[in-house]
Amino acid sequence: MPDPKLISDYLAGLEFVAFDTETTGMWAFSNRLVELSGVKFRLLEEGSETFSELINPRRPIPPE
């Protein structure tokens, strides 16, 4: 955890969400999304909110 004395009041209230995606491959024009996940962060706070949603790509998922 960063030292609170080094963080301004503005940054102390900063919130952001980091997203992660899983797809059937690397190419957007020919592959599909299969999972979307996110983690909400707030500076100087422990714990976080998370979500994860599976999406049916309507095609087989390669084993690799």
Protein backbone atom coordinates (compact mmCIF):
# COMPACT_ATOMS: atom_id res chain seq x y z
CA MET A 1 0.00 0.00 0.00
CA PRO A 2 1.43 3.44 -0.86
CA ASP A 3 2.19 5.88 1.93
CA PRO A 4 -0.98 8.03 2.34
CA LYS A 5 1.17 11.06 3.17
CA LEU A 6 2.56 11.00 -0.37
CA ILE A 7 -0.82 10.96 -2.10
CA SER A 8 -2.81 14.12 -2.68
CA ASP A 9 -6.47 14.38 -1.67
CA TYR A 10 -7.38 14.25 -5.36
CA LEU A 11 -5.65 10.93 -5.93
CA ALA A 12 -6.84 9.47 -2.63
CA GLY A 13 -10.38 9.27 -4.02
CA LEU A 14 -9.35 7.86 -7.39
CA GLU A 15 -11.32 4.84 -8.59
CA PHE A 16 -10.72 2.79 -11.71
CA VAL A 17 -11.70 -0.52 -13.25
CA ALA A 18 -9.25 -2.92 -14.87
CA PHE A 19 -10.81 -5.15 -17.53
CA ASP A 20 -9.73 -8.54 -18.83
CA THR A 21 -11.10 -10.29 -21.90
CA GLU A 22 -10.86 -13.85 -23.13
CA THR A 23 -11.50 -14.64 -26.78
CA THR A 24 -11.50 -17.61 -29.16
CA GLY A 25 -8.37 -16.20 -30.84
CA MET A 26 -6.25 -13.14 -31.56
CA TRP A 27 -8.00 -11.59 -34.58
CA ALA A 28 -11.03 -9.37 -33.93
CA PHE A 29 -12.49 -9.86 -37.41
CA SER A 30 -12.67 -13.67 -37.14
CA ASN A 31 -12.78 -14.54 -33.42
CA ARG A 32 -15.29 -14.02 -30.64
CA LEU A 33 -15.39 -12.82 -27.05
CA VAL A 34 -15.99 -15.61 -24.51
CA GLU A 35 -15.44 -13.84 -21.17
CA LEU A 36 -15.36 -10.28 -19.82
CA SER A 37 -14.06 -9.65 -16.29
CA GLY A 38 -13.34 -6.54 -14.27
CA VAL A 39 -11.94 -5.45 -10.93
CA LYS A 40 -12.81 -2.08 -9.36
CA PHE A 41 -9.96 -0.45 -7.46
CA ARG A 42 -9.93 2.54 -5.12
CA LEU A 43 -6.59 3.93 -4.04
CA LEU A 44 -5.75 3.39 -0.35
CA GLU A 45 -8.53 0.83 0.17
CA GLU A 46 -8.13 -2.88 0.61
CA GLY A 47 -10.53 -5.26 -1.05
CA SER A 48 -12.24 -4.77 -4.35
CA GLU A 49 -15.40 -5.44 -6.29
CA THR A 50 -15.16 -7.94 -9.13
CA PHE A 51 -17.34 -9.27 -11.88
CA SER A 52 -16.98 -11.92 -14.55
CA GLU A 53 -19.39 -12.80 -17.31
CA LEU A 54 -19.17 -15.77 -19.67
CA ILE A 55 -20.38 -15.15 -23.22
CA ASN A 56 -21.50 -17.84 -25.66
CA PRO A 57 -19.32 -17.34 -28.76
CA ARG A 58 -21.68 -19.50 -30.82
CA ARG A 59 -18.75 -21.49 -32.16
CA PRO A 60 -16.38 -24.16 -30.82
CA ILE A 61 -13.60 -22.92 -28.54
CA PRO A 62 -10.15 -24.15 -29.60
CA PRO A 63 -8.41 -26.35 -26.97
CA GLU A 64 -5.24 -24.22 -26.78
